[in-house]
Amino acid sequence: MTGRAALQARPGGQPDEVGAAEVLVVEAYRPVRIELLPSARVNEALDRLGRNDVRYRFVLDMSDLS
């Protein structure tokens, strides 16, 4: 887990509830890694998807089309 986070529990909480809270904290603080490509590189993006050559989430930036 990166960054700073704190997990607090109240007395009397069930162990499964505490475990679920821990999972929520980890999911909330996990950094999302993306690879951003401009729309002009759409063919490259499709080729790389076909070769399974995408390391993180692949995002195609369409803002330059407006």
PDB file of N, CA and C in Angstrom:
ATOM      1  N   MET A   1       0.854  -1.164   0.000  1.00  0.00           N
ATOM      2  CA  MET A   1       0.000   0.000   0.000  1.00  0.00           C
ATOM      3  C   MET A   1       0.900   1.227   0.000  1.00  0.00           C
ATOM      4  N   THR A   2       0.636   2.167  -0.883  1.00  0.00           N
ATOM      5  CA  THR A   2       1.422   3.383  -0.933  1.00  0.00           C
ATOM      6  C   THR A   2       0.619   4.517  -0.346  1.00  0.00           C
ATOM      7  N   GLY A   3       1.298   5.595   0.025  1.00  0.00           N
ATOM      8  CA  GLY A   3       0.600   6.721   0.619  1.00  0.00           C
ATOM      9  C   GLY A   3       0.348   6.470   2.089  1.00  0.00           C
ATOM     10  N   ARG A   4      -0.481   7.314   2.670  1.00  0.00           N
ATOM     11  CA  ARG A   4      -0.774   7.187   4.087  1.00  0.00           C
ATOM     12  C   ARG A   4      -2.241   6.851   4.266  1.00  0.00           C
ATOM     13  N   ALA A   5      -2.499   5.874   5.088  1.00  0.00           N
ATOM     14  CA  ALA A   5      -3.869   5.467   5.378  1.00  0.00           C
ATOM     15  C   ALA A   5      -3.914   4.942   6.797  1.00  0.00           C
ATOM     16  N   ALA A   6      -5.069   5.024   7.395  1.00  0.00           N
ATOM     17  CA  ALA A   6      -5.247   4.502   8.748  1.00  0.00           C
ATOM     18  C   ALA A   6      -6.499   3.649   8.778  1.00  0.00           C
ATOM     19  N   LEU A   7      -6.425   2.564   9.509  1.00  0.00           N
ATOM     20  CA  LEU A   7      -7.567   1.678   9.685  1.00  0.00           C
ATOM     21  C   LEU A   7      -7.884   1.643  11.163  1.00  0.00           C
ATOM     22  N   GLN A   8      -9.109   1.990  11.507  1.00  0.00           N
ATOM     23  CA  GLN A   8      -9.527   1.973  12.901  1.00  0.00           C
ATOM     24  C   GLN A   8     -10.689   1.012  13.046  1.00  0.00           C
ATOM     25  N   ALA A   9     -10.732   0.351  14.182  1.00  0.00           N
ATOM     26  CA  ALA A   9     -11.826  -0.587  14.452  1.00  0.00           C
ATOM     27  C   ALA A   9     -12.393  -0.310  15.832  1.00  0.00           C
ATOM     28  N   ARG A  10     -13.658  -0.619  15.999  1.00  0.00           N
ATOM     29  CA  ARG A  10     -14.311  -0.474  17.299  1.00  0.00           C
ATOM     30  C   ARG A  10     -14.307  -1.813  18.011  1.00  0.00           C
ATOM     31  N   PRO A  11     -14.257  -1.760  19.341  1.00  0.00           N
ATOM     32  CA  PRO A  11     -14.369  -3.022  20.082  1.00  0.00           C
ATOM     33  C   PRO A  11     -15.698  -3.701  19.756  1.00  0.00           C
ATOM     34  N   GLY A  12     -15.670  -4.994  19.629  1.00  0.00           N
ATOM     35  CA  GLY A  12     -16.900  -5.730  19.374  1.00  0.00           C
ATOM     36  C   GLY A  12     -17.165  -6.011  17.916  1.00  0.00           C
ATOM     37  N   GLY A  13     -16.328  -5.488  17.018  1.00  0.00           N
ATOM     38  CA  GLY A  13     -16.510  -5.771  15.595  1.00  0.00           C
ATOM     39  C   GLY A  13     -16.188  -7.220  15.295  1.00  0.00           C
ATOM     40  N   GLN A  14     -16.914  -7.790  14.381  1.00  0.00           N
ATOM     41  CA  GLN A  14     -16.681  -9.180  13.998  1.00  0.00           C
ATOM     42  C   GLN A  14     -15.430  -9.269  13.128  1.00  0.00           C
ATOM     43  N   PRO A  15     -14.650 -10.337  13.264  1.00  0.00           N
ATOM     44  CA  PRO A  15     -13.424 -10.464  12.467  1.00  0.00           C
ATOM     45  C   PRO A  15     -13.662 -10.375  10.961  1.00  0.00           C
ATOM     46  N   ASP A  16     -14.763 -10.936  10.476  1.00  0.00           N
ATOM     47  CA  ASP A  16     -15.016 -10.863   9.034  1.00  0.00           C
ATOM     48  C   ASP A  16     -15.337  -9.440   8.597  1.00  0.00           C
ATOM     49  N   GLU A  17     -15.950  -8.642   9.487  1.00  0.00           N
ATOM     50  CA  GLU A  17     -16.229  -7.243   9.165  1.00  0.00           C
ATOM     51  C   GLU A  17     -14.936  -6.441   9.099  1.00  0.00           C
ATOM     52  N   VAL A  18     -14.012  -6.715  10.024  1.00  0.00           N
ATOM     53  CA  VAL A  18     -12.725  -6.019  10.017  1.00  0.00           C
ATOM     54  C   VAL A  18     -11.950  -6.387   8.755  1.00  0.00           C
ATOM     55  N   GLY A  19     -11.973  -7.658   8.372  1.00  0.00           N
ATOM     56  CA  GLY A  19     -11.293  -8.086   7.147  1.00  0.00           C
ATOM     57  C   GLY A  19     -11.858  -7.404   5.918  1.00  0.00           C
ATOM     58  N   ALA A  20     -13.179  -7.256   5.866  1.00  0.00           N
ATOM     59  CA  ALA A  20     -13.810  -6.572   4.733  1.00  0.00           C
ATOM     60  C   ALA A  20     -13.397  -5.107   4.701  1.00  0.00           C
ATOM     61  N   ALA A  21     -13.285  -4.481   5.876  1.00  0.00           N
ATOM     62  CA  ALA A  21     -12.856  -3.083   5.938  1.00  0.00           C
ATOM     63  C   ALA A  21     -11.419  -2.940   5.447  1.00  0.00           C
ATOM     64  N   GLU A  22     -10.560  -3.890   5.798  1.00  0.00           N
ATOM     65  CA  GLU A  22      -9.174  -3.846   5.327  1.00  0.00           C
ATOM     66  C   GLU A  22      -9.110  -3.931   3.807  1.00  0.00           C
ATOM     67  N   VAL A  23      -9.919  -4.775   3.223  1.00  0.00           N
ATOM     68  CA  VAL A  23      -9.948  -4.906   1.763  1.00  0.00           C
ATOM     69  C   VAL A  23     -10.390  -3.594   1.131  1.00  0.00           C
ATOM     70  N   LEU A  24     -11.392  -2.939   1.697  1.00  0.00           N
ATOM     71  CA  LEU A  24     -11.863  -1.663   1.155  1.00  0.00           C
ATOM     72  C   LEU A  24     -10.774  -0.608   1.212  1.00  0.00           C
ATOM     73  N   VAL A  25     -10.026  -0.561   2.308  1.00  0.00           N
ATOM     74  CA  VAL A  25      -8.954   0.425   2.436  1.00  0.00           C
ATOM     75  C   VAL A  25      -7.872   0.172   1.393  1.00  0.00           C
ATOM     76  N   VAL A  26      -7.476  -1.064   1.225  1.00  0.00           N
ATOM     77  CA  VAL A  26      -6.436  -1.387   0.249  1.00  0.00           C
ATOM     78  C   VAL A  26      -6.906  -1.041  -1.158  1.00  0.00           C
ATOM     79  N   GLU A  27      -8.141  -1.371  -1.499  1.00  0.00           N
ATOM     80  CA  GLU A  27      -8.669  -1.062  -2.831  1.00  0.00           C
ATOM     81  C   GLU A  27      -8.729   0.446  -3.058  1.00  0.00           C
ATOM     82  N   ALA A  28      -9.094   1.208  -2.033  1.00  0.00           N
ATOM     83  CA  ALA A  28      -9.238   2.653  -2.176  1.00  0.00           C
ATOM     84  C   ALA A  28      -7.892   3.341  -2.376  1.00  0.00           C
ATOM     85  N   TYR A  29      -6.827   2.801  -1.820  1.00  0.00           N
ATOM     86  CA  TYR A  29      -5.529   3.458  -1.888  1.00  0.00           C
ATOM     87  C   TYR A  29      -4.581   2.835  -2.905  1.00  0.00           C
ATOM     88  N   ARG A  30      -5.035   1.890  -3.670  1.00  0.00           N
ATOM     89  CA  ARG A  30      -4.189   1.292  -4.700  1.00  0.00           C
ATOM     90  C   ARG A  30      -4.099   2.264  -5.871  1.00  0.00           C
ATOM     91  N   PRO A  31      -2.890   2.657  -6.251  1.00  0.00           N
ATOM     92  CA  PRO A  31      -2.781   3.580  -7.381  1.00  0.00           C
ATOM     93  C   PRO A  31      -3.173   2.876  -8.682  1.00  0.00           C
ATOM     94  N   VAL A  32      -3.868   3.582  -9.525  1.00  0.00           N
ATOM     95  CA  VAL A  32      -4.262   3.035 -10.822  1.00  0.00           C
ATOM     96  C   VAL A  32      -3.203   3.459 -11.830  1.00  0.00           C
ATOM     97  N   ARG A  33      -2.590   2.492 -12.452  1.00  0.00           N
ATOM     98  CA  ARG A  33      -1.560   2.782 -13.444  1.00  0.00           C
ATOM     99  C   ARG A  33      -2.177   2.652 -14.822  1.00  0.00           C
ATOM    100  N   ILE A  34      -1.932   3.670 -15.630  1.00  0.00           N
ATOM    101  CA  ILE A  34      -2.476   3.654 -16.983  1.00  0.00           C
ATOM    102  C   ILE A  34      -1.361   3.942 -17.978  1.00  0.00           C
ATOM    103  N   GLU A  35      -1.613   3.570 -19.192  1.00  0.00           N
ATOM    104  CA  GLU A  35      -0.763   3.961 -20.309  1.00  0.00           C
ATOM    105  C   GLU A  35      -1.662   4.770 -21.236  1.00  0.00           C
ATOM    106  N   LEU A  36      -1.348   6.048 -21.396  1.00  0.00           N
ATOM    107  CA  LEU A  36      -2.188   6.983 -22.139  1.00  0.00           C
ATOM    108  C   LEU A  36      -1.593   7.231 -23.521  1.00  0.00           C
ATOM    109  N   LEU A  37      -2.407   7.013 -24.542  1.00  0.00           N
ATOM    110  CA  LEU A  37      -1.987   7.272 -25.920  1.00  0.00           C
ATOM    111  C   LEU A  37      -2.936   8.275 -26.556  1.00  0.00           C
ATOM    112  N   PRO A  38      -2.413   9.185 -27.389  1.00  0.00           N
ATOM    113  CA  PRO A  38      -3.298  10.102 -28.113  1.00  0.00           C
ATOM    114  C   PRO A  38      -4.079   9.347 -29.185  1.00  0.00           C
ATOM    115  N   SER A  39      -5.175   9.929 -29.607  1.00  0.00           N
ATOM    116  CA  SER A  39      -6.038   9.248 -30.578  1.00  0.00           C
ATOM    117  C   SER A  39      -5.328   8.991 -31.909  1.00  0.00           C
ATOM    118  N   ALA A  40      -4.326   9.777 -32.235  1.00  0.00           N
ATOM    119  CA  ALA A  40      -3.594   9.577 -33.489  1.00  0.00           C
ATOM    120  C   ALA A  40      -2.846   8.247 -33.507  1.00  0.00           C
ATOM    121  N   ARG A  41      -2.650   7.637 -32.341  1.00  0.00           N
ATOM    122  CA  ARG A  41      -1.927   6.366 -32.259  1.00  0.00           C
ATOM    123  C   ARG A  41      -2.882   5.191 -32.048  1.00  0.00           C
ATOM    124  N   VAL A  42      -4.110   5.323 -32.534  1.00  0.00           N
ATOM    125  CA  VAL A  42      -5.114   4.275 -32.340  1.00  0.00           C
ATOM    126  C   VAL A  42      -4.691   2.958 -32.996  1.00  0.00           C
ATOM    127  N   ASN A  43      -4.072   3.019 -34.170  1.00  0.00           N
ATOM    128  CA  ASN A  43      -3.638   1.782 -34.837  1.00  0.00           C
ATOM    129  C   ASN A  43      -2.561   1.064 -34.030  1.00  0.00           C
ATOM    130  N   GLU A  44      -1.637   1.828 -33.477  1.00  0.00           N
ATOM    131  CA  GLU A  44      -0.617   1.232 -32.611  1.00  0.00           C
ATOM    132  C   GLU A  44      -1.268   0.589 -31.390  1.00  0.00           C
ATOM    133  N   ALA A  45      -2.253   1.274 -30.824  1.00  0.00           N
ATOM    134  CA  ALA A  45      -2.948   0.738 -29.651  1.00  0.00           C
ATOM    135  C   ALA A  45      -3.622  -0.592 -29.976  1.00  0.00           C
ATOM    136  N   LEU A  46      -4.295  -0.660 -31.107  1.00  0.00           N
ATOM    137  CA  LEU A  46      -4.970  -1.898 -31.497  1.00  0.00           C
ATOM    138  C   LEU A  46      -3.973  -3.022 -31.781  1.00  0.00           C
ATOM    139  N   ASP A  47      -2.858  -2.677 -32.424  1.00  0.00           N
ATOM    140  CA  ASP A  47      -1.821  -3.687 -32.675  1.00  0.00           C
ATOM    141  C   ASP A  47      -1.276  -4.244 -31.364  1.00  0.00           C
ATOM    142  N   ARG A  48      -1.004  -3.357 -30.413  1.00  0.00           N
ATOM    143  CA  ARG A  48      -0.457  -3.800 -29.131  1.00  0.00           C
ATOM    144  C   ARG A  48      -1.465  -4.626 -28.353  1.00  0.00           C
ATOM    145  N   LEU A  49      -2.730  -4.267 -28.443  1.00  0.00           N
ATOM    146  CA  LEU A  49      -3.756  -5.086 -27.788  1.00  0.00           C
ATOM    147  C   LEU A  49      -3.777  -6.484 -28.386  1.00  0.00           C
ATOM    148  N   GLY A  50      -3.659  -6.560 -29.698  1.00  0.00           N
ATOM    149  CA  GLY A  50      -3.647  -7.856 -30.371  1.00  0.00           C
ATOM    150  C   GLY A  50      -2.453  -8.716 -30.000  1.00  0.00           C
ATOM    151  N   ARG A  51      -1.320  -8.071 -29.705  1.00  0.00           N
ATOM    152  CA  ARG A  51      -0.112  -8.801 -29.299  1.00  0.00           C
ATOM    153  C   ARG A  51      -0.049  -9.017 -27.786  1.00  0.00           C
ATOM    154  N   ASN A  52      -1.074  -8.557 -27.070  1.00  0.00           N
ATOM    155  CA  ASN A  52      -1.096  -8.649 -25.602  1.00  0.00           C
ATOM    156  C   ASN A  52       0.117  -7.931 -25.006  1.00  0.00           C
ATOM    157  N   ASP A  53       0.408  -6.748 -25.548  1.00  0.00           N
ATOM    158  CA  ASP A  53       1.582  -5.962 -25.170  1.00  0.00           C
ATOM    159  C   ASP A  53       1.181  -4.711 -24.386  1.00  0.00           C
ATOM    160  N   VAL A  54       0.217  -4.840 -23.506  1.00  0.00           N
ATOM    161  CA  VAL A  54      -0.241  -3.721 -22.692  1.00  0.00           C
ATOM    162  C   VAL A  54       0.058  -4.060 -21.247  1.00  0.00           C
ATOM    163  N   ARG A  55       0.834  -3.206 -20.602  1.00  0.00           N
ATOM    164  CA  ARG A  55       1.264  -3.518 -19.237  1.00  0.00           C
ATOM    165  C   ARG A  55       0.228  -3.120 -18.195  1.00  0.00           C
ATOM    166  N   TYR A  56      -0.354  -1.956 -18.312  1.00  0.00           N
ATOM    167  CA  TYR A  56      -1.337  -1.466 -17.348  1.00  0.00           C
ATOM    168  C   TYR A  56      -2.673  -1.279 -18.060  1.00  0.00           C
ATOM    169  N   ARG A  57      -3.519  -0.459 -17.501  1.00  0.00           N
ATOM    170  CA  ARG A  57      -4.766  -0.124 -18.202  1.00  0.00           C
ATOM    171  C   ARG A  57      -4.411   0.761 -19.379  1.00  0.00           C
ATOM    172  N   PHE A  58      -5.020   0.486 -20.485  1.00  0.00           N
ATOM    173  CA  PHE A  58      -4.744   1.208 -21.720  1.00  0.00           C
ATOM    174  C   PHE A  58      -5.834   2.249 -21.908  1.00  0.00           C
ATOM    175  N   VAL A  59      -5.439   3.511 -22.065  1.00  0.00           N
ATOM    176  CA  VAL A  59      -6.404   4.600 -22.238  1.00  0.00           C
ATOM    177  C   VAL A  59      -6.065   5.335 -23.525  1.00  0.00           C
ATOM    178  N   LEU A  60      -7.059   5.492 -24.372  1.00  0.00           N
ATOM    179  CA  LEU A  60      -6.899   6.241 -25.612  1.00  0.00           C
ATOM    180  C   LEU A  60      -7.515   7.619 -25.397  1.00  0.00           C
ATOM    181  N   ASP A  61      -6.697   8.660 -25.486  1.00  0.00           N
ATOM    182  CA  ASP A  61      -7.150  10.030 -25.233  1.00  0.00           C
ATOM    183  C   ASP A  61      -7.868  10.559 -26.470  1.00  0.00           C
ATOM    184  N   MET A  62      -9.166  10.766 -26.338  1.00  0.00           N
ATOM    185  CA  MET A  62      -9.974  11.225 -27.464  1.00  0.00           C
ATOM    186  C   MET A  62     -10.219  12.737 -27.421  1.00  0.00           C
ATOM    187  N   SER A  63      -9.613  13.443 -26.472  1.00  0.00           N
ATOM    188  CA  SER A  63      -9.892  14.870 -26.309  1.00  0.00           C
ATOM    189  C   SER A  63      -9.405  15.704 -27.488  1.00  0.00           C
ATOM    190  N   ASP A  64      -8.455  15.202 -28.258  1.00  0.00           N
ATOM    191  CA  ASP A  64      -7.946  15.975 -29.389  1.00  0.00           C
ATOM    192  C   ASP A  64      -8.833  15.867 -30.632  1.00  0.00           C
ATOM    193  N   LEU A  65      -9.918  15.122 -30.553  1.00  0.00           N
ATOM    194  CA  LEU A  65     -10.821  14.971 -31.697  1.00  0.00           C
ATOM    195  C   LEU A  65     -11.921  16.027 -31.748  1.00  0.00           C
ATOM    196  N   SER A  66     -12.062  16.799 -30.698  1.00  0.00           N
ATOM    197  CA  SER A  66     -13.174  17.774 -30.665  1.00  0.00           C
ATOM    198  C   SER A  66     -12.875  19.040 -31.417  1.00  0.00           C
TER     199      SER A  66
END
